[in-house]
Amino acid sequence: MARRRVLRKREGRVTYEGGKRIVIPHGEPVYLGTQVRDYSPKGLSHSREVKAILKEMEEDAKHLPPRTIQARCYALFMGILHSSKMPKTEKRKAIKMLNDFRRKHGWKPYELQIPL
């Protein structure tokens, strides 16, 4: 697994990616995340990965509108549900962490329509 510093790209700023200097002509302003996490193969396989993503989203919540964070929460929820590599016990832990994050921000938790 490779470890990468999390970069957020936005308009008219300079960022570094893969050791190269890049000027971002379009998009939103740049800010750098302080979280560093492992990038594993595609898909979620453990609740620890969800915890790392939630830490990133917590930091992003300071800079991005709530609507964007809620959209990311939904995408993460769908990723948890559709992950074939994650056991059911890990899915339950991950959904609980995600719902705790949502409650902390004053949003309703997700409810499962059908059992896992």
PDB file of N, CA and C in Angstrom:
ATOM      1  N   MET A   1       0.830  -1.179   0.000  1.00  0.00           N
ATOM      2  CA  MET A   1       0.000   0.000   0.000  1.00  0.00           C
ATOM      3  C   MET A   1       0.876   1.245   0.000  1.00  0.00           C
ATOM      4  N   ALA A   2       0.474   2.217  -0.758  1.00  0.00           N
ATOM      5  CA  ALA A   2       1.216   3.474  -0.831  1.00  0.00           C
ATOM      6  C   ALA A   2       0.593   4.495   0.122  1.00  0.00           C
ATOM      7  N   ARG A   3       1.428   5.329   0.708  1.00  0.00           N
ATOM      8  CA  ARG A   3       0.935   6.414   1.563  1.00  0.00           C
ATOM      9  C   ARG A   3       1.081   7.705   0.790  1.00  0.00           C
ATOM     10  N   ARG A   4       0.013   8.499   0.784  1.00  0.00           N
ATOM     11  CA  ARG A   4       0.046   9.776   0.079  1.00  0.00           C
ATOM     12  C   ARG A   4      -0.521  10.853   0.962  1.00  0.00           C
ATOM     13  N   ARG A   5       0.021  12.056   0.816  1.00  0.00           N
ATOM     14  CA  ARG A   5      -0.567  13.212   1.480  1.00  0.00           C
ATOM     15  C   ARG A   5      -1.799  13.600   0.678  1.00  0.00           C
ATOM     16  N   VAL A   6      -2.854  13.932   1.356  1.00  0.00           N
ATOM     17  CA  VAL A   6      -4.115  14.255   0.707  1.00  0.00           C
ATOM     18  C   VAL A   6      -4.040  15.683   0.169  1.00  0.00           C
ATOM     19  N   LEU A   7      -4.242  15.842  -1.129  1.00  0.00           N
ATOM     20  CA  LEU A   7      -4.235  17.166  -1.754  1.00  0.00           C
ATOM     21  C   LEU A   7      -5.630  17.493  -2.256  1.00  0.00           C
ATOM     22  N   ARG A   8      -6.050  18.701  -2.035  1.00  0.00           N
ATOM     23  CA  ARG A   8      -7.309  19.181  -2.584  1.00  0.00           C
ATOM     24  C   ARG A   8      -6.970  20.228  -3.628  1.00  0.00           C
ATOM     25  N   LYS A   9      -7.494  20.074  -4.839  1.00  0.00           N
ATOM     26  CA  LYS A   9      -7.177  21.002  -5.924  1.00  0.00           C
ATOM     27  C   LYS A   9      -8.297  22.007  -6.112  1.00  0.00           C
ATOM     28  N   ARG A  10      -7.898  23.228  -6.302  1.00  0.00           N
ATOM     29  CA  ARG A  10      -8.858  24.287  -6.578  1.00  0.00           C
ATOM     30  C   ARG A  10      -8.213  25.335  -7.479  1.00  0.00           C
ATOM     31  N   GLU A  11      -8.977  26.322  -7.930  1.00  0.00           N
ATOM     32  CA  GLU A  11      -8.596  27.239  -9.004  1.00  0.00           C
ATOM     33  C   GLU A  11      -7.456  28.207  -8.710  1.00  0.00           C
ATOM     34  N   GLY A  12      -6.659  28.451  -9.754  1.00  0.00           N
ATOM     35  CA  GLY A  12      -5.684  29.522  -9.755  1.00  0.00           C
ATOM     36  C   GLY A  12      -4.570  29.386  -8.741  1.00  0.00           C
ATOM     37  N   ARG A  13      -4.274  28.221  -8.309  1.00  0.00           N
ATOM     38  CA  ARG A  13      -3.249  28.010  -7.308  1.00  0.00           C
ATOM     39  C   ARG A  13      -2.237  26.996  -7.807  1.00  0.00           C
ATOM     40  N   VAL A  14      -1.167  26.879  -7.063  1.00  0.00           N
ATOM     41  CA  VAL A  14      -0.119  25.914  -7.393  1.00  0.00           C
ATOM     42  C   VAL A  14      -0.205  24.770  -6.389  1.00  0.00           C
ATOM     43  N   THR A  15      -0.092  23.549  -6.892  1.00  0.00           N
ATOM     44  CA  THR A  15      -0.060  22.377  -6.029  1.00  0.00           C
ATOM     45  C   THR A  15       1.031  21.443  -6.531  1.00  0.00           C
ATOM     46  N   TYR A  16       1.366  20.481  -5.767  1.00  0.00           N
ATOM     47  CA  TYR A  16       2.379  19.508  -6.143  1.00  0.00           C
ATOM     48  C   TYR A  16       1.751  18.131  -6.155  1.00  0.00           C
ATOM     49  N   GLU A  17       1.952  17.421  -7.241  1.00  0.00           N
ATOM     50  CA  GLU A  17       1.406  16.079  -7.358  1.00  0.00           C
ATOM     51  C   GLU A  17       2.458  15.204  -8.028  1.00  0.00           C
ATOM     52  N   GLY A  18       2.784  14.113  -7.374  1.00  0.00           N
ATOM     53  CA  GLY A  18       3.800  13.217  -7.933  1.00  0.00           C
ATOM     54  C   GLY A  18       5.154  13.887  -8.061  1.00  0.00           C
ATOM     55  N   GLY A  19       5.448  14.854  -7.186  1.00  0.00           N
ATOM     56  CA  GLY A  19       6.735  15.544  -7.232  1.00  0.00           C
ATOM     57  C   GLY A  19       6.819  16.643  -8.282  1.00  0.00           C
ATOM     58  N   LYS A  20       5.729  16.911  -8.993  1.00  0.00           N
ATOM     59  CA  LYS A  20       5.740  17.944 -10.037  1.00  0.00           C
ATOM     60  C   LYS A  20       4.862  19.120  -9.610  1.00  0.00           C
ATOM     61  N   ARG A  21       5.312  20.307  -9.971  1.00  0.00           N
ATOM     62  CA  ARG A  21       4.562  21.528  -9.687  1.00  0.00           C
ATOM     63  C   ARG A  21       3.477  21.677 -10.736  1.00  0.00           C
ATOM     64  N   ILE A  22       2.237  21.901 -10.280  1.00  0.00           N
ATOM     65  CA  ILE A  22       1.109  22.020 -11.194  1.00  0.00           C
ATOM     66  C   ILE A  22       0.336  23.287 -10.847  1.00  0.00           C
ATOM     67  N   VAL A  23      -0.003  24.094 -11.868  1.00  0.00           N
ATOM     68  CA  VAL A  23      -0.860  25.260 -11.686  1.00  0.00           C
ATOM     69  C   VAL A  23      -2.269  24.838 -12.063  1.00  0.00           C
ATOM     70  N   ILE A  24      -3.213  25.078 -11.166  1.00  0.00           N
ATOM     71  CA  ILE A  24      -4.606  24.691 -11.391  1.00  0.00           C
ATOM     72  C   ILE A  24      -5.334  25.888 -12.006  1.00  0.00           C
ATOM     73  N   PRO A  25      -5.661  25.835 -13.302  1.00  0.00           N
ATOM     74  CA  PRO A  25      -6.300  26.985 -13.941  1.00  0.00           C
ATOM     75  C   PRO A  25      -7.794  27.111 -13.631  1.00  0.00           C
ATOM     76  N   HIS A  26      -8.491  25.995 -13.420  1.00  0.00           N
ATOM     77  CA  HIS A  26      -9.935  26.030 -13.202  1.00  0.00           C
ATOM     78  C   HIS A  26     -10.285  25.274 -11.936  1.00  0.00           C
ATOM     79  N   GLY A  27     -11.435  25.574 -11.367  1.00  0.00           N
ATOM     80  CA  GLY A  27     -11.889  24.878 -10.169  1.00  0.00           C
ATOM     81  C   GLY A  27     -11.990  25.828  -8.997  1.00  0.00           C
ATOM     82  N   GLU A  28     -11.743  25.322  -7.813  1.00  0.00           N
ATOM     83  CA  GLU A  28     -11.880  26.100  -6.587  1.00  0.00           C
ATOM     84  C   GLU A  28     -10.498  26.334  -5.978  1.00  0.00           C
ATOM     85  N   PRO A  29     -10.353  27.242  -4.981  1.00  0.00           N
ATOM     86  CA  PRO A  29      -9.043  27.502  -4.378  1.00  0.00           C
ATOM     87  C   PRO A  29      -8.435  26.267  -3.730  1.00  0.00           C
ATOM     88  N   VAL A  30      -7.112  26.224  -3.604  1.00  0.00           N
ATOM     89  CA  VAL A  30      -6.413  25.063  -3.059  1.00  0.00           C
ATOM     90  C   VAL A  30      -6.319  25.134  -1.543  1.00  0.00           C
ATOM     91  N   TYR A  31      -6.502  24.022  -0.892  1.00  0.00           N
ATOM     92  CA  TYR A  31      -6.081  23.886   0.495  1.00  0.00           C
ATOM     93  C   TYR A  31      -5.569  22.462   0.651  1.00  0.00           C
ATOM     94  N   LEU A  32      -4.604  22.298   1.517  1.00  0.00           N
ATOM     95  CA  LEU A  32      -3.995  20.988   1.705  1.00  0.00           C
ATOM     96  C   LEU A  32      -4.552  20.328   2.950  1.00  0.00           C
ATOM     97  N   GLY A  33      -4.843  19.060   2.844  1.00  0.00           N
ATOM     98  CA  GLY A  33      -5.268  18.297   4.008  1.00  0.00           C
ATOM     99  C   GLY A  33      -4.049  17.871   4.805  1.00  0.00           C
ATOM    100  N   THR A  34      -4.227  17.691   6.092  1.00  0.00           N
ATOM    101  CA  THR A  34      -3.120  17.251   6.927  1.00  0.00           C
ATOM    102  C   THR A  34      -3.151  15.749   7.143  1.00  0.00           C
ATOM    103  N   GLN A  35      -4.229  15.092   6.728  1.00  0.00           N
ATOM    104  CA  GLN A  35      -4.335  13.648   6.915  1.00  0.00           C
ATOM    105  C   GLN A  35      -3.463  12.907   5.910  1.00  0.00           C
ATOM    106  N   VAL A  36      -2.836  11.861   6.380  1.00  0.00           N
ATOM    107  CA  VAL A  36      -2.086  10.959   5.517  1.00  0.00           C
ATOM    108  C   VAL A  36      -2.657   9.577   5.764  1.00  0.00           C
ATOM    109  N   ARG A  37      -3.023   8.878   4.692  1.00  0.00           N
ATOM    110  CA  ARG A  37      -3.571   7.537   4.893  1.00  0.00           C
ATOM    111  C   ARG A  37      -3.112   6.621   3.778  1.00  0.00           C
ATOM    112  N   ASP A  38      -3.255   5.336   4.029  1.00  0.00           N
ATOM    113  CA  ASP A  38      -2.875   4.333   3.045  1.00  0.00           C
ATOM    114  C   ASP A  38      -3.917   4.280   1.938  1.00  0.00           C
ATOM    115  N   TYR A  39      -3.431   4.156   0.712  1.00  0.00           N
ATOM    116  CA  TYR A  39      -4.318   3.958  -0.423  1.00  0.00           C
ATOM    117  C   TYR A  39      -4.206   2.507  -0.833  1.00  0.00           C
ATOM    118  N   SER A  40      -5.273   1.766  -0.594  1.00  0.00           N
ATOM    119  CA  SER A  40      -5.296   0.352  -0.916  1.00  0.00           C
ATOM    120  C   SER A  40      -5.977   0.173  -2.271  1.00  0.00           C
ATOM    121  N   PRO A  41      -6.050  -1.056  -2.734  1.00  0.00           N
ATOM    122  CA  PRO A  41      -6.772  -1.289  -3.991  1.00  0.00           C
ATOM    123  C   PRO A  41      -8.213  -0.796  -3.915  1.00  0.00           C
ATOM    124  N   LYS A  42      -8.849  -0.658  -5.058  1.00  0.00           N
ATOM    125  CA  LYS A  42     -10.192  -0.112  -5.172  1.00  0.00           C
ATOM    126  C   LYS A  42     -11.173  -0.851  -4.261  1.00  0.00           C
ATOM    127  N   GLY A  43     -12.040  -0.104  -3.609  1.00  0.00           N
ATOM    128  CA  GLY A  43     -13.066  -0.683  -2.748  1.00  0.00           C
ATOM    129  C   GLY A  43     -12.670  -0.665  -1.283  1.00  0.00           C
ATOM    130  N   LEU A  44     -13.651  -0.798  -0.424  1.00  0.00           N
ATOM    131  CA  LEU A  44     -13.424  -0.797   1.021  1.00  0.00           C
ATOM    132  C   LEU A  44     -13.355  -2.240   1.517  1.00  0.00           C
ATOM    133  N   SER A  45     -12.423  -2.498   2.428  1.00  0.00           N
ATOM    134  CA  SER A  45     -12.313  -3.856   2.956  1.00  0.00           C
ATOM    135  C   SER A  45     -12.330  -3.897   4.481  1.00  0.00           C
ATOM    136  N   HIS A  46     -12.255  -2.739   5.153  1.00  0.00           N
ATOM    137  CA  HIS A  46     -12.208  -2.734   6.605  1.00  0.00           C
ATOM    138  C   HIS A  46     -12.754  -1.406   7.130  1.00  0.00           C
ATOM    139  N   SER A  47     -13.261  -1.432   8.360  1.00  0.00           N
ATOM    140  CA  SER A  47     -13.826  -0.214   8.954  1.00  0.00           C
ATOM    141  C   SER A  47     -12.738   0.829   9.243  1.00  0.00           C
ATOM    142  N   ARG A  48     -11.473   0.402   9.367  1.00  0.00           N
ATOM    143  CA  ARG A  48     -10.385   1.372   9.575  1.00  0.00           C
ATOM    144  C   ARG A  48     -10.269   2.335   8.402  1.00  0.00           C
ATOM    145  N   GLU A  49     -10.514   1.828   7.196  1.00  0.00           N
ATOM    146  CA  GLU A  49     -10.475   2.693   6.013  1.00  0.00           C
ATOM    147  C   GLU A  49     -11.572   3.750   6.093  1.00  0.00           C
ATOM    148  N   VAL A  50     -12.739   3.351   6.562  1.00  0.00           N
ATOM    149  CA  VAL A  50     -13.862   4.295   6.714  1.00  0.00           C
ATOM    150  C   VAL A  50     -13.508   5.345   7.765  1.00  0.00           C
ATOM    151  N   LYS A  51     -12.879   4.925   8.848  1.00  0.00           N
ATOM    152  CA  LYS A  51     -12.469   5.857   9.902  1.00  0.00           C
ATOM    153  C   LYS A  51     -11.514   6.913   9.354  1.00  0.00           C
ATOM    154  N   ALA A  52     -10.559   6.496   8.507  1.00  0.00           N
ATOM    155  CA  ALA A  52      -9.613   7.437   7.904  1.00  0.00           C
ATOM    156  C   ALA A  52     -10.333   8.417   6.980  1.00  0.00           C
ATOM    157  N   ILE A  53     -11.293   7.919   6.222  1.00  0.00           N
ATOM    158  CA  ILE A  53     -12.057   8.787   5.320  1.00  0.00           C
ATOM    159  C   ILE A  53     -12.872   9.797   6.123  1.00  0.00           C
ATOM    160  N   LEU A  54     -13.452   9.352   7.239  1.00  0.00           N
ATOM    161  CA  LEU A  54     -14.233  10.259   8.084  1.00  0.00           C
ATOM    162  C   LEU A  54     -13.354  11.338   8.710  1.00  0.00           C
ATOM    163  N   LYS A  55     -12.101  11.011   9.038  1.00  0.00           N
ATOM    164  CA  LYS A  55     -11.174  12.030   9.547  1.00  0.00           C
ATOM    165  C   LYS A  55     -10.928  13.099   8.483  1.00  0.00           C
ATOM    166  N   GLU A  56     -10.741  12.655   7.240  1.00  0.00           N
ATOM    167  CA  GLU A  56     -10.555  13.604   6.136  1.00  0.00           C
ATOM    168  C   GLU A  56     -11.792  14.479   5.967  1.00  0.00           C
ATOM    169  N   MET A  57     -12.966  13.860   6.037  1.00  0.00           N
ATOM    170  CA  MET A  57     -14.199  14.637   5.862  1.00  0.00           C
ATOM    171  C   MET A  57     -14.398  15.620   7.002  1.00  0.00           C
ATOM    172  N   GLU A  58     -13.967  15.260   8.208  1.00  0.00           N
ATOM    173  CA  GLU A  58     -14.052  16.175   9.343  1.00  0.00           C
ATOM    174  C   GLU A  58     -13.223  17.425   9.074  1.00  0.00           C
ATOM    175  N   GLU A  59     -12.034  17.229   8.524  1.00  0.00           N
ATOM    176  CA  GLU A  59     -11.182  18.363   8.173  1.00  0.00           C
ATOM    177  C   GLU A  59     -11.783  19.168   7.020  1.00  0.00           C
ATOM    178  N   ASP A  60     -12.324  18.469   6.040  1.00  0.00           N
ATOM    179  CA  ASP A  60     -12.938  19.139   4.896  1.00  0.00           C
ATOM    180  C   ASP A  60     -14.164  19.948   5.297  1.00  0.00           C
ATOM    181  N   ALA A  61     -14.854  19.525   6.348  1.00  0.00           N
ATOM    182  CA  ALA A  61     -16.066  20.220   6.789  1.00  0.00           C
ATOM    183  C   ALA A  61     -15.782  21.660   7.210  1.00  0.00           C
ATOM    184  N   LYS A  62     -14.526  21.943   7.561  1.00  0.00           N
ATOM    185  CA  LYS A  62     -14.148  23.307   7.932  1.00  0.00           C
ATOM    186  C   LYS A  62     -14.047  24.221   6.713  1.00  0.00           C
ATOM    187  N   HIS A  63     -13.852  23.628   5.529  1.00  0.00           N
ATOM    188  CA  HIS A  63     -13.585  24.409   4.322  1.00  0.00           C
ATOM    189  C   HIS A  63     -14.679  24.313   3.259  1.00  0.00           C
ATOM    190  N   LEU A  64     -15.486  23.264   3.321  1.00  0.00           N
ATOM    191  CA  LEU A  64     -16.473  23.023   2.274  1.00  0.00           C
ATOM    192  C   LEU A  64     -17.888  23.190   2.810  1.00  0.00           C
ATOM    193  N   PRO A  65     -18.844  23.476   1.924  1.00  0.00           N
ATOM    194  CA  PRO A  65     -20.237  23.617   2.372  1.00  0.00           C
ATOM    195  C   PRO A  65     -20.807  22.283   2.868  1.00  0.00           C
ATOM    196  N   PRO A  66     -21.751  22.327   3.800  1.00  0.00           N
ATOM    197  CA  PRO A  66     -22.346  21.100   4.335  1.00  0.00           C
ATOM    198  C   PRO A  66     -22.944  20.192   3.261  1.00  0.00           C
ATOM    199  N   ARG A  67     -23.472  20.776   2.213  1.00  0.00           N
ATOM    200  CA  ARG A  67     -24.078  19.980   1.138  1.00  0.00           C
ATOM    201  C   ARG A  67     -23.051  19.044   0.494  1.00  0.00           C
ATOM    202  N   THR A  68     -21.838  19.530   0.317  1.00  0.00           N
ATOM    203  CA  THR A  68     -20.768  18.715  -0.269  1.00  0.00           C
ATOM    204  C   THR A  68     -20.399  17.577   0.673  1.00  0.00           C
ATOM    205  N   ILE A  69     -20.302  17.851   1.956  1.00  0.00           N
ATOM    206  CA  ILE A  69     -19.957  16.826   2.935  1.00  0.00           C
ATOM    207  C   ILE A  69     -21.064  15.780   3.007  1.00  0.00           C
ATOM    208  N   GLN A  70     -22.325  16.219   2.951  1.00  0.00           N
ATOM    209  CA  GLN A  70     -23.434  15.265   2.960  1.00  0.00           C
ATOM    210  C   GLN A  70     -23.406  14.367   1.717  1.00  0.00           C
ATOM    211  N   ALA A  71     -23.061  14.936   0.577  1.00  0.00           N
ATOM    212  CA  ALA A  71     -22.960  14.131  -0.646  1.00  0.00           C
ATOM    213  C   ALA A  71     -21.847  13.093  -0.510  1.00  0.00           C
ATOM    214  N   ARG A  72     -20.731  13.483   0.102  1.00  0.00           N
ATOM    215  CA  ARG A  72     -19.640  12.532   0.330  1.00  0.00           C
ATOM    216  C   ARG A  72     -20.065  11.448   1.314  1.00  0.00           C
ATOM    217  N   CYS A  73     -20.847  11.821   2.335  1.00  0.00           N
ATOM    218  CA  CYS A  73     -21.353  10.830   3.293  1.00  0.00           C
ATOM    219  C   CYS A  73     -22.207   9.794   2.573  1.00  0.00           C
ATOM    220  N   TYR A  74     -23.062  10.252   1.671  1.00  0.00           N
ATOM    221  CA  TYR A  74     -23.925   9.330   0.938  1.00  0.00           C
ATOM    222  C   TYR A  74     -23.097   8.402   0.052  1.00  0.00           C
ATOM    223  N   ALA A  75     -22.105   8.969  -0.619  1.00  0.00           N
ATOM    224  CA  ALA A  75     -21.239   8.138  -1.470  1.00  0.00           C
ATOM    225  C   ALA A  75     -20.490   7.104  -0.628  1.00  0.00           C
ATOM    226  N   LEU A  76     -20.031   7.503   0.541  1.00  0.00           N
ATOM    227  CA  LEU A  76     -19.341   6.570   1.437  1.00  0.00           C
ATOM    228  C   LEU A  76     -20.308   5.485   1.922  1.00  0.00           C
ATOM    229  N   PHE A  77     -21.534   5.864   2.261  1.00  0.00           N
ATOM    230  CA  PHE A  77     -22.539   4.897   2.698  1.00  0.00           C
ATOM    231  C   PHE A  77     -22.795   3.861   1.614  1.00  0.00           C
ATOM    232  N   MET A  78     -22.952   4.323   0.385  1.00  0.00           N
ATOM    233  CA  MET A  78     -23.178   3.398  -0.732  1.00  0.00           C
ATOM    234  C   MET A  78     -21.951   2.507  -0.958  1.00  0.00           C
ATOM    235  N   GLY A  79     -20.767   3.083  -0.796  1.00  0.00           N
ATOM    236  CA  GLY A  79     -19.537   2.296  -0.934  1.00  0.00           C
ATOM    237  C   GLY A  79     -19.450   1.198   0.114  1.00  0.00           C
ATOM    238  N   ILE A  80     -19.866   1.506   1.329  1.00  0.00           N
ATOM    239  CA  ILE A  80     -19.873   0.503   2.403  1.00  0.00           C
ATOM    240  C   ILE A  80     -20.859  -0.609   2.066  1.00  0.00           C
ATOM    241  N   LEU A  81     -22.066  -0.234   1.669  1.00  0.00           N
ATOM    242  CA  LEU A  81     -23.097  -1.230   1.382  1.00  0.00           C
ATOM    243  C   LEU A  81     -22.733  -2.133   0.210  1.00  0.00           C
ATOM    244  N   HIS A  82     -22.091  -1.577  -0.797  1.00  0.00           N
ATOM    245  CA  HIS A  82     -21.819  -2.329  -2.021  1.00  0.00           C
ATOM    246  C   HIS A  82     -20.456  -3.020  -2.006  1.00  0.00           C
ATOM    247  N   SER A  83     -19.710  -2.868  -0.929  1.00  0.00           N
ATOM    248  CA  SER A  83     -18.392  -3.495  -0.861  1.00  0.00           C
ATOM    249  C   SER A  83     -18.536  -5.008  -0.684  1.00  0.00           C
ATOM    250  N   SER A  84     -17.953  -5.751  -1.601  1.00  0.00           N
ATOM    251  CA  SER A  84     -18.016  -7.207  -1.493  1.00  0.00           C
ATOM    252  C   SER A  84     -16.872  -7.752  -0.644  1.00  0.00           C
ATOM    253  N   LYS A  85     -15.833  -6.944  -0.411  1.00  0.00           N
ATOM    254  CA  LYS A  85     -14.675  -7.385   0.365  1.00  0.00           C
ATOM    255  C   LYS A  85     -14.877  -7.224   1.869  1.00  0.00           C
ATOM    256  N   MET A  86     -15.825  -6.396   2.278  1.00  0.00           N
ATOM    257  CA  MET A  86     -16.009  -6.069   3.696  1.00  0.00           C
ATOM    258  C   MET A  86     -17.006  -7.040   4.333  1.00  0.00           C
ATOM    259  N   PRO A  87     -16.600  -7.728   5.410  1.00  0.00           N
ATOM    260  CA  PRO A  87     -17.539  -8.617   6.112  1.00  0.00           C
ATOM    261  C   PRO A  87     -18.685  -7.824   6.746  1.00  0.00           C
ATOM    262  N   LYS A  88     -19.772  -8.511   7.043  1.00  0.00           N
ATOM    263  CA  LYS A  88     -20.964  -7.837   7.591  1.00  0.00           C
ATOM    264  C   LYS A  88     -20.670  -7.147   8.916  1.00  0.00           C
ATOM    265  N   THR A  89     -19.858  -7.754   9.765  1.00  0.00           N
ATOM    266  CA  THR A  89     -19.545  -7.116  11.058  1.00  0.00           C
ATOM    267  C   THR A  89     -18.801  -5.805  10.845  1.00  0.00           C
ATOM    268  N   GLU A  90     -17.889  -5.785   9.882  1.00  0.00           N
ATOM    269  CA  GLU A  90     -17.156  -4.552   9.562  1.00  0.00           C
ATOM    270  C   GLU A  90     -18.089  -3.518   8.945  1.00  0.00           C
ATOM    271  N   LYS A  91     -19.030  -3.960   8.129  1.00  0.00           N
ATOM    272  CA  LYS A  91     -20.002  -3.036   7.542  1.00  0.00           C
ATOM    273  C   LYS A  91     -20.825  -2.367   8.640  1.00  0.00           C
ATOM    274  N   ARG A  92     -21.242  -3.155   9.631  1.00  0.00           N
ATOM    275  CA  ARG A  92     -22.021  -2.586  10.734  1.00  0.00           C
ATOM    276  C   ARG A  92     -21.211  -1.545  11.504  1.00  0.00           C
ATOM    277  N   LYS A  93     -19.937  -1.863  11.776  1.00  0.00           N
ATOM    278  CA  LYS A  93     -19.060  -0.903  12.471  1.00  0.00           C
ATOM    279  C   LYS A  93     -18.905   0.373  11.649  1.00  0.00           C
ATOM    280  N   ALA A  94     -18.673   0.204  10.342  1.00  0.00           N
ATOM    281  CA  ALA A  94     -18.464   1.358   9.462  1.00  0.00           C
ATOM    282  C   ALA A  94     -19.718   2.229   9.394  1.00  0.00           C
ATOM    283  N   ILE A  95     -20.893   1.602   9.291  1.00  0.00           N
ATOM    284  CA  ILE A  95     -22.141   2.362   9.228  1.00  0.00           C
ATOM    285  C   ILE A  95     -22.374   3.100  10.550  1.00  0.00           C
ATOM    286  N   LYS A  96     -22.048   2.466  11.668  1.00  0.00           N
ATOM    287  CA  LYS A  96     -22.181   3.127  12.971  1.00  0.00           C
ATOM    288  C   LYS A  96     -21.269   4.354  13.045  1.00  0.00           C
ATOM    289  N   MET A  97     -20.010   4.223  12.583  1.00  0.00           N
ATOM    290  CA  MET A  97     -19.088   5.367  12.589  1.00  0.00           C
ATOM    291  C   MET A  97     -19.624   6.498  11.715  1.00  0.00           C
ATOM    292  N   LEU A  98     -20.140   6.145  10.534  1.00  0.00           N
ATOM    293  CA  LEU A  98     -20.678   7.143   9.619  1.00  0.00           C
ATOM    294  C   LEU A  98     -21.892   7.839  10.239  1.00  0.00           C
ATOM    295  N   ASN A  99     -22.767   7.070  10.872  1.00  0.00           N
ATOM    296  CA  ASN A  99     -23.949   7.664  11.508  1.00  0.00           C
ATOM    297  C   ASN A  99     -23.564   8.545  12.691  1.00  0.00           C
ATOM    298  N   ASP A 100     -22.528   8.160  13.453  1.00  0.00           N
ATOM    299  CA  ASP A 100     -22.046   9.010  14.546  1.00  0.00           C
ATOM    300  C   ASP A 100     -21.521  10.337  13.994  1.00  0.00           C
ATOM    301  N   PHE A 101     -20.809  10.271  12.869  1.00  0.00           N
ATOM    302  CA  PHE A 101     -20.310  11.484  12.200  1.00  0.00           C
ATOM    303  C   PHE A 101     -21.477  12.379  11.799  1.00  0.00           C
ATOM    304  N   ARG A 102     -22.523  11.779  11.226  1.00  0.00           N
ATOM    305  CA  ARG A 102     -23.683  12.553  10.788  1.00  0.00           C
ATOM    306  C   ARG A 102     -24.405  13.185  11.976  1.00  0.00           C
ATOM    307  N   ARG A 103     -24.562  12.436  13.063  1.00  0.00           N
ATOM    308  CA  ARG A 103     -25.214  12.989  14.262  1.00  0.00           C
ATOM    309  C   ARG A 103     -24.417  14.165  14.819  1.00  0.00           C
ATOM    310  N   LYS A 104     -23.098  14.037  14.821  1.00  0.00           N
ATOM    311  CA  LYS A 104     -22.225  15.090  15.332  1.00  0.00           C
ATOM    312  C   LYS A 104     -22.458  16.410  14.590  1.00  0.00           C
ATOM    313  N   HIS A 105     -22.755  16.309  13.291  1.00  0.00           N
ATOM    314  CA  HIS A 105     -22.981  17.497  12.472  1.00  0.00           C
ATOM    315  C   HIS A 105     -24.453  17.895  12.406  1.00  0.00           C
ATOM    316  N   GLY A 106     -25.304  17.190  13.169  1.00  0.00           N
ATOM    317  CA  GLY A 106     -26.714  17.558  13.229  1.00  0.00           C
ATOM    318  C   GLY A 106     -27.554  17.009  12.093  1.00  0.00           C
ATOM    319  N   TRP A 107     -27.088  15.965  11.418  1.00  0.00           N
ATOM    320  CA  TRP A 107     -27.817  15.359  10.309  1.00  0.00           C
ATOM    321  C   TRP A 107     -28.406  14.033  10.758  1.00  0.00           C
ATOM    322  N   LYS A 108     -29.493  13.635  10.104  1.00  0.00           N
ATOM    323  CA  LYS A 108     -30.124  12.359  10.447  1.00  0.00           C
ATOM    324  C   LYS A 108     -29.217  11.202  10.025  1.00  0.00           C
ATOM    325  N   PRO A 109     -29.169  10.150  10.853  1.00  0.00           N
ATOM    326  CA  PRO A 109     -28.366   8.980  10.484  1.00  0.00           C
ATOM    327  C   PRO A 109     -29.051   8.184   9.373  1.00  0.00           C
ATOM    328  N   TYR A 110     -28.253   7.406   8.664  1.00  0.00           N
ATOM    329  CA  TYR A 110     -28.792   6.539   7.615  1.00  0.00           C
ATOM    330  C   TYR A 110     -29.409   5.313   8.262  1.00  0.00           C
ATOM    331  N   GLU A 111     -30.518   4.862   7.707  1.00  0.00           N
ATOM    332  CA  GLU A 111     -31.172   3.640   8.163  1.00  0.00           C
ATOM    333  C   GLU A 111     -31.182   2.646   7.025  1.00  0.00           C
ATOM    334  N   LEU A 112     -30.918   1.387   7.354  1.00  0.00           N
ATOM    335  CA  LEU A 112     -30.933   0.340   6.335  1.00  0.00           C
ATOM    336  C   LEU A 112     -32.372  -0.019   5.987  1.00  0.00           C
ATOM    337  N   GLN A 113     -32.677  -0.082   4.703  1.00  0.00           N
ATOM    338  CA  GLN A 113     -34.021  -0.457   4.258  1.00  0.00           C
ATOM    339  C   GLN A 113     -34.201  -1.974   4.305  1.00  0.00           C
ATOM    340  N   ILE A 114     -33.114  -2.700   4.034  1.00  0.00           N
ATOM    341  CA  ILE A 114     -33.131  -4.154   4.128  1.00  0.00           C
ATOM    342  C   ILE A 114     -31.927  -4.580   4.946  1.00  0.00           C
ATOM    343  N   PRO A 115     -31.996  -5.720   5.632  1.00  0.00           N
ATOM    344  CA  PRO A 115     -30.840  -6.153   6.442  1.00  0.00           C
ATOM    345  C   PRO A 115     -29.623  -6.450   5.568  1.00  0.00           C
ATOM    346  N   LEU A 116     -28.447  -6.356   6.189  1.00  0.00           N
ATOM    347  CA  LEU A 116     -27.197  -6.627   5.463  1.00  0.00           C
ATOM    348  C   LEU A 116     -27.117  -8.055   5.012  1.00  0.00           C
TER     349      LEU A 116
END
